[in-house]
């Protein structure tokens, strides 16, 4: 995919929608690309793996091109549904690992946040011990 992929995909989708054949391979591909590209980080990752090439425009402009690529398009048969089901079944097995990674990236991105977390746990444990020994003295 390059910078002109959005206009080429729109034209091919329009051709498929107007043709009498029941083949909707390009439309299925466009729906798959739209589901893959949700943010500019997705654009960066696709560029990193060589799927998007010659990115002369910025990531945000590229994202805005792909956001509206299938708006108003009616999908009759999604040809890539088996692949998507297999990918979803594979990733559903690792939901806990993804959740832990999300928490780590969100809340422990710097060294200070890790230190504060450890200090707060230590303060909680010491406060709990102090409360226990205050209620039940020796």
N, C-alpha and C. Protein backbone atom coordinates (compact mmCIF):
# COMPACT_ATOMS: atom_id res chain seq x y z
N UNK A 1 0.85 -1.17 0.00
CA UNK A 1 0.00 0.00 0.00
C UNK A 1 0.89 1.23 0.00
N UNK A 2 0.50 2.19 -0.75
CA UNK A 2 1.23 3.45 -0.77
C UNK A 2 0.23 4.59 -0.60
N UNK A 3 0.68 5.82 -0.93
CA UNK A 3 -0.15 7.00 -0.68
C UNK A 3 -1.42 7.03 -1.53
N UNK A 4 -1.42 6.39 -2.68
CA UNK A 4 -2.60 6.41 -3.54
C UNK A 4 -3.53 5.23 -3.29
N UNK A 5 -3.27 4.43 -2.28
CA UNK A 5 -4.08 3.22 -2.03
C UNK A 5 -5.51 3.56 -1.68
N UNK A 6 -5.73 4.66 -0.99
CA UNK A 6 -7.08 5.02 -0.58
C UNK A 6 -7.97 5.30 -1.79
N UNK A 7 -7.48 6.08 -2.73
CA UNK A 7 -8.30 6.39 -3.90
C UNK A 7 -8.47 5.16 -4.79
N UNK A 8 -7.44 4.34 -4.91
CA UNK A 8 -7.55 3.12 -5.71
C UNK A 8 -8.58 2.18 -5.09
N UNK A 9 -8.53 2.01 -3.77
CA UNK A 9 -9.50 1.15 -3.10
C UNK A 9 -10.92 1.67 -3.25
N UNK A 10 -11.11 2.97 -3.14
CA UNK A 10 -12.46 3.54 -3.32
C UNK A 10 -12.98 3.27 -4.73
N UNK A 11 -12.12 3.43 -5.72
CA UNK A 11 -12.55 3.18 -7.10
C UNK A 11 -12.86 1.70 -7.33
N UNK A 12 -12.04 0.83 -6.80
CA UNK A 12 -12.29 -0.60 -6.96
C UNK A 12 -13.55 -1.05 -6.22
N UNK A 13 -13.81 -0.46 -5.06
CA UNK A 13 -15.04 -0.78 -4.33
C UNK A 13 -16.25 -0.31 -5.12
N UNK A 14 -16.17 0.89 -5.68
CA UNK A 14 -17.28 1.38 -6.49
C UNK A 14 -17.50 0.50 -7.71
N UNK A 15 -16.43 0.03 -8.33
CA UNK A 15 -16.57 -0.87 -9.47
C UNK A 15 -17.21 -2.18 -9.06
N UNK A 16 -16.79 -2.73 -7.91
CA UNK A 16 -17.39 -3.98 -7.44
C UNK A 16 -18.86 -3.83 -7.09
N UNK A 17 -19.21 -2.69 -6.49
CA UNK A 17 -20.60 -2.48 -6.11
C UNK A 17 -21.49 -2.31 -7.33
N UNK A 18 -20.94 -1.77 -8.40
CA UNK A 18 -21.74 -1.55 -9.61
C UNK A 18 -21.76 -2.76 -10.54
N UNK A 19 -20.83 -3.67 -10.38
CA UNK A 19 -20.79 -4.82 -11.27
C UNK A 19 -21.86 -5.83 -10.86
N UNK A 20 -22.17 -6.72 -11.77
CA UNK A 20 -23.21 -7.71 -11.53
C UNK A 20 -22.68 -8.96 -10.85
N UNK A 21 -21.39 -9.10 -10.72
CA UNK A 21 -20.83 -10.31 -10.12
C UNK A 21 -21.02 -10.28 -8.60
N UNK A 22 -20.97 -11.45 -8.02
CA UNK A 22 -21.13 -11.56 -6.57
C UNK A 22 -19.81 -11.53 -5.84
N UNK A 23 -18.72 -11.31 -6.53
CA UNK A 23 -17.41 -11.28 -5.91
C UNK A 23 -17.19 -9.91 -5.25
N UNK A 24 -16.83 -9.94 -3.99
CA UNK A 24 -16.55 -8.71 -3.26
C UNK A 24 -15.23 -8.84 -2.51
N UNK A 25 -14.21 -9.25 -3.21
CA UNK A 25 -12.90 -9.45 -2.59
C UNK A 25 -12.23 -8.16 -2.18
N UNK A 26 -12.31 -7.14 -3.03
CA UNK A 26 -11.67 -5.86 -2.71
C UNK A 26 -12.42 -5.18 -1.57
N UNK A 27 -13.74 -5.31 -1.57
CA UNK A 27 -14.53 -4.72 -0.48
C UNK A 27 -14.21 -5.41 0.84
N UNK A 28 -14.05 -6.71 0.82
CA UNK A 28 -13.66 -7.44 2.03
C UNK A 28 -12.28 -7.00 2.50
N UNK A 29 -11.37 -6.82 1.56
CA UNK A 29 -10.02 -6.36 1.89
C UNK A 29 -10.08 -4.96 2.51
N UNK A 30 -10.92 -4.09 1.96
CA UNK A 30 -11.03 -2.73 2.49
C UNK A 30 -11.61 -2.75 3.91
N UNK A 31 -12.59 -3.61 4.15
CA UNK A 31 -13.13 -3.73 5.50
C UNK A 31 -12.07 -4.26 6.47
N UNK A 32 -11.25 -5.18 6.01
CA UNK A 32 -10.16 -5.70 6.85
C UNK A 32 -9.15 -4.61 7.17
N UNK A 33 -8.76 -3.83 6.17
CA UNK A 33 -7.81 -2.73 6.39
C UNK A 33 -8.40 -1.70 7.34
N UNK A 34 -9.69 -1.40 7.19
CA UNK A 34 -10.34 -0.44 8.08
C UNK A 34 -10.36 -0.95 9.51
N UNK A 35 -10.55 -2.26 9.69
CA UNK A 35 -10.54 -2.80 11.05
C UNK A 35 -9.14 -2.86 11.64
N UNK A 36 -8.12 -2.93 10.80
CA UNK A 36 -6.74 -2.94 11.29
C UNK A 36 -6.24 -1.55 11.67
N UNK A 37 -6.68 -0.54 10.95
CA UNK A 37 -6.18 0.82 11.16
C UNK A 37 -7.17 1.59 12.00
N UNK A 38 -6.83 1.77 13.27
CA UNK A 38 -7.70 2.49 14.20
C UNK A 38 -7.02 3.76 14.74
N UNK A 39 -5.70 3.82 14.71
CA UNK A 39 -4.99 4.98 15.23
C UNK A 39 -3.71 5.19 14.43
N UNK A 40 -3.04 6.29 14.70
CA UNK A 40 -1.78 6.55 14.00
C UNK A 40 -0.69 5.56 14.42
N UNK A 41 -0.82 4.97 15.61
CA UNK A 41 0.13 3.93 16.02
C UNK A 41 0.01 2.70 15.13
N UNK A 42 -1.21 2.40 14.67
CA UNK A 42 -1.40 1.28 13.75
C UNK A 42 -0.73 1.57 12.41
N UNK A 43 -0.81 2.82 11.96
CA UNK A 43 -0.14 3.22 10.72
C UNK A 43 1.38 3.03 10.87
N UNK A 44 1.92 3.44 12.01
CA UNK A 44 3.36 3.28 12.24
C UNK A 44 3.76 1.81 12.23
N UNK A 45 2.94 0.97 12.86
CA UNK A 45 3.26 -0.45 12.91
C UNK A 45 3.19 -1.08 11.52
N UNK A 46 2.18 -0.72 10.72
CA UNK A 46 2.08 -1.25 9.37
C UNK A 46 3.24 -0.76 8.50
N UNK A 47 3.69 0.48 8.73
CA UNK A 47 4.85 0.99 8.00
C UNK A 47 6.12 0.28 8.44
N UNK A 48 6.20 -0.05 9.72
CA UNK A 48 7.37 -0.76 10.26
C UNK A 48 7.51 -2.14 9.62
N UNK A 49 6.42 -2.82 9.37
CA UNK A 49 6.46 -4.15 8.76
C UNK A 49 6.44 -4.11 7.24
N UNK A 50 6.45 -2.93 6.65
CA UNK A 50 6.55 -2.80 5.21
C UNK A 50 5.24 -2.94 4.46
N UNK A 51 4.11 -2.91 5.16
CA UNK A 51 2.83 -3.01 4.48
C UNK A 51 2.45 -1.68 3.86
N UNK A 52 2.69 -0.61 4.59
CA UNK A 52 2.51 0.74 4.04
C UNK A 52 3.88 1.24 3.64
N UNK A 53 4.02 1.60 2.37
CA UNK A 53 5.31 2.06 1.86
C UNK A 53 5.18 3.47 1.31
N UNK A 54 6.30 4.14 1.22
CA UNK A 54 6.37 5.47 0.62
C UNK A 54 5.36 6.40 1.25
N UNK A 55 5.42 6.51 2.55
CA UNK A 55 4.48 7.35 3.28
C UNK A 55 4.95 8.81 3.24
N UNK A 56 4.58 9.51 2.17
CA UNK A 56 5.00 10.90 2.00
C UNK A 56 4.13 11.82 2.85
N UNK A 57 2.93 11.41 3.13
CA UNK A 57 2.07 12.22 3.98
C UNK A 57 2.20 11.71 5.41
N UNK A 58 1.73 12.48 6.36
CA UNK A 58 1.86 12.11 7.76
C UNK A 58 0.92 10.99 8.17
N UNK A 59 1.15 10.48 9.35
CA UNK A 59 0.34 9.37 9.85
C UNK A 59 -1.11 9.79 10.07
N UNK A 60 -1.31 11.02 10.55
CA UNK A 60 -2.68 11.48 10.82
C UNK A 60 -3.46 11.65 9.51
N UNK A 61 -2.82 12.14 8.45
CA UNK A 61 -3.50 12.27 7.17
C UNK A 61 -3.80 10.90 6.58
N UNK A 62 -2.86 9.99 6.74
CA UNK A 62 -3.08 8.62 6.28
C UNK A 62 -4.23 7.96 7.03
N UNK A 63 -4.32 8.21 8.33
CA UNK A 63 -5.41 7.68 9.13
C UNK A 63 -6.74 8.24 8.68
N UNK A 64 -6.79 9.53 8.40
CA UNK A 64 -8.06 10.14 7.96
C UNK A 64 -8.49 9.63 6.59
N UNK A 65 -7.53 9.24 5.75
CA UNK A 65 -7.88 8.65 4.46
C UNK A 65 -8.56 7.30 4.64
N UNK A 66 -8.04 6.49 5.54
CA UNK A 66 -8.56 5.14 5.70
C UNK A 66 -9.78 5.06 6.61
N UNK A 67 -10.06 6.12 7.38
CA UNK A 67 -11.22 6.09 8.26
C UNK A 67 -12.53 6.05 7.48
N UNK A 68 -12.62 6.81 6.41
CA UNK A 68 -13.87 6.89 5.68
C UNK A 68 -13.90 6.07 4.41
N UNK A 69 -13.04 5.07 4.32
CA UNK A 69 -12.90 4.35 3.06
C UNK A 69 -14.11 3.46 2.76
N UNK A 70 -14.78 2.93 3.76
CA UNK A 70 -15.92 2.05 3.52
C UNK A 70 -17.22 2.62 4.08
N UNK A 71 -17.26 3.92 4.31
CA UNK A 71 -18.49 4.53 4.77
C UNK A 71 -19.53 4.48 3.66
N UNK A 72 -20.69 4.00 3.98
CA UNK A 72 -21.77 3.90 3.02
C UNK A 72 -21.71 2.68 2.11
N UNK A 73 -20.77 1.78 2.37
CA UNK A 73 -20.63 0.58 1.55
C UNK A 73 -21.37 -0.56 2.24
N UNK A 74 -22.18 -1.28 1.47
CA UNK A 74 -22.92 -2.41 2.00
C UNK A 74 -22.14 -3.68 1.67
N UNK A 75 -21.85 -4.47 2.70
CA UNK A 75 -21.10 -5.71 2.52
C UNK A 75 -22.07 -6.87 2.39
N UNK A 76 -21.98 -7.58 1.27
CA UNK A 76 -22.84 -8.75 1.08
C UNK A 76 -22.20 -9.98 1.66
N UNK A 77 -21.03 -10.33 1.22
CA UNK A 77 -20.30 -11.50 1.71
C UNK A 77 -18.89 -11.06 2.12
N UNK A 78 -18.54 -11.31 3.38
CA UNK A 78 -17.22 -10.99 3.86
C UNK A 78 -16.36 -12.23 3.69
N UNK A 79 -15.42 -12.18 2.75
CA UNK A 79 -14.65 -13.36 2.38
C UNK A 79 -13.53 -13.70 3.35
N UNK A 80 -13.23 -12.80 4.26
CA UNK A 80 -12.11 -13.02 5.17
C UNK A 80 -12.64 -13.35 6.57
N UNK A 81 -13.89 -13.74 6.69
CA UNK A 81 -14.48 -13.96 8.01
C UNK A 81 -13.87 -15.16 8.73
N UNK A 82 -13.49 -16.20 8.01
CA UNK A 82 -12.87 -17.35 8.66
C UNK A 82 -11.52 -16.98 9.27
N UNK A 83 -10.74 -16.20 8.52
CA UNK A 83 -9.45 -15.75 9.04
C UNK A 83 -9.64 -14.88 10.28
N UNK A 84 -10.60 -13.97 10.24
CA UNK A 84 -10.86 -13.11 11.40
C UNK A 84 -11.33 -13.92 12.60
N UNK A 85 -12.14 -14.94 12.38
CA UNK A 85 -12.59 -15.81 13.48
C UNK A 85 -11.42 -16.56 14.09
N UNK A 86 -10.51 -17.04 13.26
CA UNK A 86 -9.33 -17.74 13.77
C UNK A 86 -8.43 -16.81 14.58
N UNK A 87 -8.25 -15.59 14.09
CA UNK A 87 -7.42 -14.62 14.82
C UNK A 87 -8.07 -14.27 16.15
N UNK A 88 -9.39 -14.04 16.15
CA UNK A 88 -10.09 -13.72 17.39
C UNK A 88 -10.03 -14.88 18.38
N UNK A 89 -10.14 -16.11 17.90
CA UNK A 89 -10.05 -17.26 18.79
C UNK A 89 -8.65 -17.39 19.37
N UNK A 90 -7.63 -17.09 18.58
CA UNK A 90 -6.26 -17.15 19.06
C UNK A 90 -5.99 -16.08 20.11
N UNK A 91 -6.44 -14.85 19.84
CA UNK A 91 -6.16 -13.77 20.78
C UNK A 91 -7.03 -13.83 22.03
N UNK A 92 -8.17 -14.50 21.97
CA UNK A 92 -9.02 -14.57 23.17
C UNK A 92 -8.39 -15.45 24.24
N UNK A 93 -7.47 -16.31 23.86
CA UNK A 93 -6.79 -17.14 24.85
C UNK A 93 -5.84 -16.35 25.72
N UNK A 94 -5.38 -15.19 25.25
CA UNK A 94 -4.36 -14.42 25.95
C UNK A 94 -4.89 -13.09 26.46
N UNK A 95 -6.15 -13.03 26.86
CA UNK A 95 -6.73 -11.77 27.31
C UNK A 95 -6.08 -11.27 28.60
N UNK A 96 -5.72 -12.18 29.51
CA UNK A 96 -5.12 -11.75 30.77
C UNK A 96 -3.76 -11.12 30.54
N UNK A 97 -2.97 -11.71 29.66
CA UNK A 97 -1.65 -11.17 29.36
C UNK A 97 -1.75 -9.79 28.70
N UNK A 98 -2.72 -9.61 27.81
CA UNK A 98 -2.92 -8.30 27.19
C UNK A 98 -3.35 -7.27 28.22
N UNK A 99 -4.20 -7.68 29.17
CA UNK A 99 -4.67 -6.76 30.19
C UNK A 99 -3.51 -6.33 31.10
N UNK A 100 -2.65 -7.26 31.46
CA UNK A 100 -1.49 -6.93 32.29
C UNK A 100 -0.55 -5.98 31.54
N UNK A 101 -0.33 -6.24 30.25
CA UNK A 101 0.52 -5.35 29.46
C UNK A 101 -0.08 -3.96 29.36
N UNK A 102 -1.41 -3.89 29.20
CA UNK A 102 -2.07 -2.59 29.15
C UNK A 102 -1.90 -1.84 30.46
N UNK A 103 -2.10 -2.51 31.59
CA UNK A 103 -1.91 -1.86 32.89
C UNK A 103 -0.47 -1.41 33.08
N UNK A 104 0.47 -2.25 32.66
CA UNK A 104 1.88 -1.90 32.81
C UNK A 104 2.24 -0.67 31.97
N UNK A 105 1.77 -0.65 30.70
CA UNK A 105 2.07 0.50 29.84
C UNK A 105 1.38 1.77 30.33
N UNK A 106 0.18 1.63 30.88
CA UNK A 106 -0.58 2.81 31.29
C UNK A 106 -0.09 3.37 32.61
N UNK A 107 0.12 2.51 33.60
CA UNK A 107 0.39 3.00 34.95
C UNK A 107 1.85 2.88 35.38
N UNK A 108 2.65 2.08 34.71
CA UNK A 108 4.03 1.90 35.13
C UNK A 108 5.00 2.23 33.99
N UNK A 109 4.75 3.30 33.31
CA UNK A 109 5.59 3.65 32.17
C UNK A 109 6.91 4.31 32.59
N UNK A 110 6.97 4.83 33.80
CA UNK A 110 8.22 5.46 34.24
C UNK A 110 8.70 4.80 35.53
N UNK A 111 9.94 5.07 35.87
CA UNK A 111 10.53 4.49 37.08
C UNK A 111 9.87 5.08 38.33
N UNK A 112 9.49 6.35 38.27
CA UNK A 112 8.87 6.98 39.44
C UNK A 112 7.54 6.34 39.78
N UNK A 113 6.77 5.97 38.79
CA UNK A 113 5.48 5.34 39.08
C UNK A 113 5.66 3.97 39.73
N UNK A 114 6.71 3.25 39.34
CA UNK A 114 7.00 1.96 39.98
C UNK A 114 7.42 2.15 41.43
N UNK A 115 8.26 3.15 41.68
CA UNK A 115 8.73 3.43 43.05
C UNK A 115 7.57 3.85 43.93
N UNK A 116 6.70 4.70 43.42
CA UNK A 116 5.53 5.15 44.18
C UNK A 116 4.60 3.99 44.48
N UNK A 117 4.43 3.08 43.54
CA UNK A 117 3.56 1.92 43.75
C UNK A 117 4.12 1.03 44.85
N UNK A 118 5.40 0.76 44.83
CA UNK A 118 6.03 -0.08 45.86
C UNK A 118 5.95 0.61 47.23
N UNK A 119 6.18 1.94 47.24
CA UNK A 119 6.10 2.67 48.51
C UNK A 119 4.68 2.68 49.06
N UNK A 120 3.69 2.78 48.19
CA UNK A 120 2.31 2.77 48.67
C UNK A 120 1.92 1.40 49.21
N UNK A 121 2.37 0.33 48.60
CA UNK A 121 2.10 -1.01 49.13
C UNK A 121 2.78 -1.17 50.49
N UNK A 122 4.01 -0.71 50.61
CA UNK A 122 4.73 -0.79 51.88
C UNK A 122 4.02 0.02 52.96
N UNK A 123 3.54 1.22 52.62
CA UNK A 123 2.81 2.05 53.58
C UNK A 123 1.50 1.38 53.99
N UNK A 124 0.82 0.74 53.06
CA UNK A 124 -0.42 0.04 53.38
C UNK A 124 -0.17 -1.13 54.33
N UNK A 125 0.88 -1.90 54.08
CA UNK A 125 1.20 -3.04 54.94
C UNK A 125 1.58 -2.56 56.34
N UNK A 126 2.41 -1.53 56.42
CA UNK A 126 2.82 -1.01 57.73
C UNK A 126 1.64 -0.41 58.49
N UNK A 127 0.75 0.28 57.79
CA UNK A 127 -0.44 0.84 58.43
C UNK A 127 -1.35 -0.27 58.94
N UNK A 128 -1.49 -1.32 58.14
CA UNK A 128 -2.31 -2.47 58.57
C UNK A 128 -1.72 -3.12 59.80
N UNK A 129 -0.41 -3.30 59.83
CA UNK A 129 0.25 -3.89 61.00
C UNK A 129 0.10 -2.99 62.23
N UNK A 130 0.22 -1.69 62.06
CA UNK A 130 0.07 -0.77 63.18
C UNK A 130 -1.35 -0.81 63.72
N UNK A 131 -2.33 -0.90 62.83
CA UNK A 131 -3.73 -0.98 63.27
C UNK A 131 -3.97 -2.28 64.02
N UNK A 132 -3.44 -3.37 63.54
CA UNK A 132 -3.61 -4.67 64.20
C UNK A 132 -3.01 -4.65 65.61
N UNK A 133 -1.79 -4.14 65.73
CA UNK A 133 -1.14 -4.14 67.04
C UNK A 133 -1.74 -3.09 67.98
N UNK A 134 -2.43 -2.09 67.43
CA UNK A 134 -3.13 -1.15 68.28
C UNK A 134 -4.39 -1.77 68.86
N UNK A 135 -5.09 -2.55 68.05
CA UNK A 135 -6.31 -3.22 68.51
C UNK A 135 -5.99 -4.38 69.44
N UNK A 136 -4.99 -5.17 69.13
CA UNK A 136 -4.59 -6.33 69.93
C UNK A 136 -3.17 -6.14 70.47
N UNK A 137 -3.03 -5.37 71.55
CA UNK A 137 -1.68 -5.18 72.06
C UNK A 137 -1.16 -6.44 72.75
N UNK A 138 0.11 -6.55 72.92
CA UNK A 138 0.73 -7.73 73.53
C UNK A 138 0.55 -7.71 75.01
